[in-house]
PDB file of N, CA and C in Angstrom:
ATOM      1  N   MET A   1       0.763  -1.189  -0.235  1.00  0.00           N
ATOM      2  CA  MET A   1      -0.156  -0.324  -0.080  1.00  0.00           C
ATOM      3  C   MET A   1       0.756   1.166  -0.037  1.00  0.00           C
ATOM      4  N   SER A   2       0.738   2.143  -0.621  1.00  0.00           N
ATOM      5  CA  SER A   2       1.385   3.251  -1.104  1.00  0.00           C
ATOM      6  C   SER A   2       0.406   4.475  -0.435  1.00  0.00           C
ATOM      7  N   ASP A   3       1.186   5.818  -0.262  1.00  0.00           N
ATOM      8  CA  ASP A   3       0.599   7.085   0.726  1.00  0.00           C
ATOM      9  C   ASP A   3       0.351   8.037  -0.763  1.00  0.00           C
ATOM     10  N   PHE A   4       1.223   7.661  -2.009  1.00  0.00           N
ATOM     11  CA  PHE A   4       1.626   8.616  -2.875  1.00  0.00           C
ATOM     12  C   PHE A   4       0.395   8.564  -3.765  1.00  0.00           C
ATOM     13  N   GLU A   5      -0.031   9.565  -4.345  1.00  0.00           N
ATOM     14  CA  GLU A   5      -0.604   9.424  -5.633  1.00  0.00           C
ATOM     15  C   GLU A   5      -0.203  10.251  -6.846  1.00  0.00           C
ATOM     16  N   ILE A   6      -0.266  10.118  -7.895  1.00  0.00           N
ATOM     17  CA  ILE A   6       0.198  10.971  -9.285  1.00  0.00           C
ATOM     18  C   ILE A   6      -0.901  12.016  -9.438  1.00  0.00           C
ATOM     19  N   ALA A   7      -0.266  13.216  -9.684  1.00  0.00           N
ATOM     20  CA  ALA A   7      -1.500  14.160 -10.183  1.00  0.00           C
ATOM     21  C   ALA A   7      -1.719  14.356 -11.557  1.00  0.00           C
ATOM     22  N   ASP A   8      -2.502  14.736 -11.682  1.00  0.00           N
ATOM     23  CA  ASP A   8      -3.143  14.866 -13.476  1.00  0.00           C
ATOM     24  C   ASP A   8      -2.374  16.026 -13.532  1.00  0.00           C
ATOM     25  N   GLY A   9      -1.897  17.187 -12.882  1.00  0.00           N
ATOM     26  CA  GLY A   9      -1.363  18.201 -13.412  1.00  0.00           C
ATOM     27  C   GLY A   9      -0.764  18.936 -12.182  1.00  0.00           C
ATOM     28  N   LEU A  10      -0.156  20.529 -12.588  1.00  0.00           N
ATOM     29  CA  LEU A  10       0.134  21.045 -11.526  1.00  0.00           C
ATOM     30  C   LEU A  10      -0.714  22.048 -11.065  1.00  0.00           C
ATOM     31  N   GLY A  11      -2.046  21.888 -11.731  1.00  0.00           N
ATOM     32  CA  GLY A  11      -3.153  23.274 -11.632  1.00  0.00           C
ATOM     33  C   GLY A  11      -2.276  24.646 -11.763  1.00  0.00           C
ATOM     34  N   GLU A  12      -2.479  25.613 -10.591  1.00  0.00           N
ATOM     35  CA  GLU A  12      -1.639  26.607 -10.818  1.00  0.00           C
ATOM     36  C   GLU A  12      -0.348  27.103 -10.107  1.00  0.00           C
ATOM     37  N   VAL A  13      -0.160  25.764  -9.242  1.00  0.00           N
ATOM     38  CA  VAL A  13       1.248  26.011  -8.483  1.00  0.00           C
ATOM     39  C   VAL A  13       2.429  25.645  -9.153  1.00  0.00           C
ATOM     40  N   LEU A  14       3.217  26.482  -9.444  1.00  0.00           N
ATOM     41  CA  LEU A  14       4.683  26.212 -10.275  1.00  0.00           C
ATOM     42  C   LEU A  14       5.617  26.805  -8.973  1.00  0.00           C
ATOM     43  N   ALA A  15       6.672  25.977  -8.709  1.00  0.00           N
ATOM     44  CA  ALA A  15       7.827  26.551  -7.873  1.00  0.00           C
ATOM     45  C   ALA A  15       9.101  26.668  -8.663  1.00  0.00           C
ATOM     46  N   VAL A  16       9.892  27.783  -8.848  1.00  0.00           N
ATOM     47  CA  VAL A  16      11.304  27.624  -8.933  1.00  0.00           C
ATOM     48  C   VAL A  16      12.020  28.698  -8.290  1.00  0.00           C
ATOM     49  N   THR A  17      13.202  28.215  -8.124  1.00  0.00           N
ATOM     50  CA  THR A  17      14.266  28.876  -7.544  1.00  0.00           C
ATOM     51  C   THR A  17      15.268  29.215  -8.517  1.00  0.00           C
ATOM     52  N   ALA A  18      15.374  30.579  -8.835  1.00  0.00           N
ATOM     53  CA  ALA A  18      16.465  31.040  -9.697  1.00  0.00           C
ATOM     54  C   ALA A  18      17.673  31.643  -9.016  1.00  0.00           C
ATOM     55  N   THR A  19      18.911  31.592  -9.620  1.00  0.00           N
ATOM     56  CA  THR A  19      20.035  32.270  -9.362  1.00  0.00           C
ATOM     57  C   THR A  19      20.577  32.514 -11.147  1.00  0.00           C
ATOM     58  N   PRO A  20      21.598  33.531 -10.801  1.00  0.00           N
ATOM     59  CA  PRO A  20      22.149  34.080 -12.146  1.00  0.00           C
ATOM     60  C   PRO A  20      22.437  32.782 -13.034  1.00  0.00           C
ATOM     61  N   ASP A  21      23.074  31.637 -12.481  1.00  0.00           N
ATOM     62  CA  ASP A  21      23.340  30.242 -13.575  1.00  0.00           C
ATOM     63  C   ASP A  21      22.881  29.192 -13.044  1.00  0.00           C
ATOM     64  N   THR A  22      21.338  29.181 -12.285  1.00  0.00           N
ATOM     65  CA  THR A  22      20.581  28.017 -11.707  1.00  0.00           C
ATOM     66  C   THR A  22      19.373  28.258 -11.716  1.00  0.00           C
ATOM     67  N   LEU A  23      18.731  27.315 -12.377  1.00  0.00           N
ATOM     68  CA  LEU A  23      17.069  26.789 -12.099  1.00  0.00           C
ATOM     69  C   LEU A  23      17.178  25.824 -11.412  1.00  0.00           C
ATOM     70  N   LEU A  24      16.123  25.917 -10.219  1.00  0.00           N
ATOM     71  CA  LEU A  24      15.365  24.541  -9.607  1.00  0.00           C
ATOM     72  C   LEU A  24      14.066  24.682  -9.268  1.00  0.00           C
ATOM     73  N   PHE A  25      13.693  23.960 -10.352  1.00  0.00           N
ATOM     74  CA  PHE A  25      12.146  23.448 -10.418  1.00  0.00           C
ATOM     75  C   PHE A  25      11.863  22.524  -9.403  1.00  0.00           C
ATOM     76  N   GLY A  26      10.338  22.905  -8.653  1.00  0.00           N
ATOM     77  CA  GLY A  26       9.907  22.158  -7.956  1.00  0.00           C
ATOM     78  C   GLY A  26       8.725  21.093  -8.747  1.00  0.00           C
ATOM     79  N   PHE A  27       9.050  20.853  -9.933  1.00  0.00           N
ATOM     80  CA  PHE A  27       8.333  20.087 -10.942  1.00  0.00           C
ATOM     81  C   PHE A  27       8.942  19.685 -11.732  1.00  0.00           C
ATOM     82  N   GLY A  28       8.722  18.579 -12.413  1.00  0.00           N
ATOM     83  CA  GLY A  28       8.738  18.148 -13.889  1.00  0.00           C
ATOM     84  C   GLY A  28       8.380  18.513 -15.209  1.00  0.00           C
ATOM     85  N   LEU A  29       9.271  18.874 -16.046  1.00  0.00           N
ATOM     86  CA  LEU A  29       8.432  19.476 -17.010  1.00  0.00           C
ATOM     87  C   LEU A  29       7.368  18.465 -17.695  1.00  0.00           C
ATOM     88  N   GLU A  30       7.722  16.984 -17.597  1.00  0.00           N
ATOM     89  CA  GLU A  30       6.424  16.328 -18.115  1.00  0.00           C
ATOM     90  C   GLU A  30       5.155  16.511 -17.335  1.00  0.00           C
ATOM     91  N   GLN A  31       5.574  17.107 -16.172  1.00  0.00           N
ATOM     92  CA  GLN A  31       3.996  17.334 -15.467  1.00  0.00           C
ATOM     93  C   GLN A  31       2.999  18.621 -16.232  1.00  0.00           C
ATOM     94  N   LEU A  32       3.894  19.097 -16.895  1.00  0.00           N
ATOM     95  CA  LEU A  32       3.070  20.226 -17.649  1.00  0.00           C
ATOM     96  C   LEU A  32       1.788  19.639 -18.468  1.00  0.00           C
ATOM     97  N   GLU A  33       0.755  20.751 -19.036  1.00  0.00           N
ATOM     98  CA  GLU A  33      -0.278  20.085 -19.359  1.00  0.00           C
ATOM     99  C   GLU A  33      -0.201  19.864 -20.631  1.00  0.00           C
ATOM    100  N   SER A  34       0.865  20.482 -21.422  1.00  0.00           N
ATOM    101  CA  SER A  34       0.741  20.059 -23.084  1.00  0.00           C
ATOM    102  C   SER A  34       2.348  20.300 -23.419  1.00  0.00           C
ATOM    103  N   ASP A  35       2.501  20.026 -24.510  1.00  0.00           N
ATOM    104  CA  ASP A  35       3.831  20.388 -25.466  1.00  0.00           C
ATOM    105  C   ASP A  35       4.166  22.100 -25.513  1.00  0.00           C
ATOM    106  N   ALA A  36       2.983  22.490 -25.627  1.00  0.00           N
ATOM    107  CA  ALA A  36       2.972  24.206 -26.011  1.00  0.00           C
ATOM    108  C   ALA A  36       3.326  24.739 -24.303  1.00  0.00           C
ATOM    109  N   ALA A  37       2.805  24.068 -23.302  1.00  0.00           N
ATOM    110  CA  ALA A  37       2.926  24.603 -21.944  1.00  0.00           C
ATOM    111  C   ALA A  37       4.746  24.303 -21.550  1.00  0.00           C
ATOM    112  N   ARG A  38       5.236  23.086 -21.987  1.00  0.00           N
ATOM    113  CA  ARG A  38       6.561  22.679 -21.923  1.00  0.00           C
ATOM    114  C   ARG A  38       7.554  23.422 -22.795  1.00  0.00           C
ATOM    115  N   ALA A  39       7.091  23.757 -24.256  1.00  0.00           N
ATOM    116  CA  ALA A  39       8.007  24.577 -25.098  1.00  0.00           C
ATOM    117  C   ALA A  39       7.939  26.214 -24.353  1.00  0.00           C
ATOM    118  N   GLU A  40       6.923  26.704 -23.588  1.00  0.00           N
ATOM    119  CA  GLU A  40       7.012  28.253 -23.091  1.00  0.00           C
ATOM    120  C   GLU A  40       7.836  28.007 -21.865  1.00  0.00           C
ATOM    121  N   VAL A  41       8.212  27.181 -21.472  1.00  0.00           N
ATOM    122  CA  VAL A  41       8.548  27.270 -19.725  1.00  0.00           C
ATOM    123  C   VAL A  41      10.012  26.963 -20.373  1.00  0.00           C
ATOM    124  N   VAL A  42      10.651  26.221 -21.268  1.00  0.00           N
ATOM    125  CA  VAL A  42      12.026  26.039 -21.755  1.00  0.00           C
ATOM    126  C   VAL A  42      12.244  27.337 -22.542  1.00  0.00           C
ATOM    127  N   ALA A  43      11.707  27.956 -23.340  1.00  0.00           N
ATOM    128  CA  ALA A  43      11.850  29.163 -23.715  1.00  0.00           C
ATOM    129  C   ALA A  43      12.132  30.151 -22.741  1.00  0.00           C
ATOM    130  N   ARG A  44      11.236  30.211 -21.462  1.00  0.00           N
ATOM    131  CA  ARG A  44      11.951  31.160 -20.545  1.00  0.00           C
ATOM    132  C   ARG A  44      13.108  30.489 -19.893  1.00  0.00           C
ATOM    133  N   MET A  45      13.392  29.519 -19.707  1.00  0.00           N
ATOM    134  CA  MET A  45      14.490  29.131 -19.165  1.00  0.00           C
ATOM    135  C   MET A  45      15.584  29.622 -19.818  1.00  0.00           C
ATOM    136  N   LEU A  46      15.762  29.314 -21.224  1.00  0.00           N
ATOM    137  CA  LEU A  46      16.837  29.830 -22.028  1.00  0.00           C
ATOM    138  C   LEU A  46      16.981  31.357 -22.048  1.00  0.00           C
ATOM    139  N   ALA A  47      15.711  32.068 -21.896  1.00  0.00           N
ATOM    140  CA  ALA A  47      15.609  33.707 -21.797  1.00  0.00           C
ATOM    141  C   ALA A  47      16.288  34.109 -20.607  1.00  0.00           C
ATOM    142  N   HIS A  48      15.941  33.314 -19.412  1.00  0.00           N
ATOM    143  CA  HIS A  48      16.969  33.433 -18.354  1.00  0.00           C
ATOM    144  C   HIS A  48      18.267  33.390 -18.220  1.00  0.00           C
ATOM    145  N   PHE A  49      18.934  32.375 -19.085  1.00  0.00           N
ATOM    146  CA  PHE A  49      20.154  32.311 -19.240  1.00  0.00           C
ATOM    147  C   PHE A  49      20.936  32.902 -20.151  1.00  0.00           C
ATOM    148  N   ALA A  50      20.568  33.639 -21.110  1.00  0.00           N
ATOM    149  CA  ALA A  50      20.657  34.753 -22.432  1.00  0.00           C
ATOM    150  C   ALA A  50      20.925  35.775 -21.739  1.00  0.00           C
ATOM    151  N   GLY A  51      20.090  36.413 -20.257  1.00  0.00           N
ATOM    152  CA  GLY A  51      20.361  37.461 -20.141  1.00  0.00           C
ATOM    153  C   GLY A  51      19.296  38.599 -20.422  1.00  0.00           C
TER     154      GLY A  51
END
């Protein structure tokens, strides 16, 4: 028996800690609801590092 449940999505809760050279996500990209949502997050990640 397990106390863990797999969520259907993240809802509106997203947690990211950022420094100039690091992004630490409190979720996995696979948990985002669509390819478009994943592409948006990855684009924002790259923009963070591009300055």
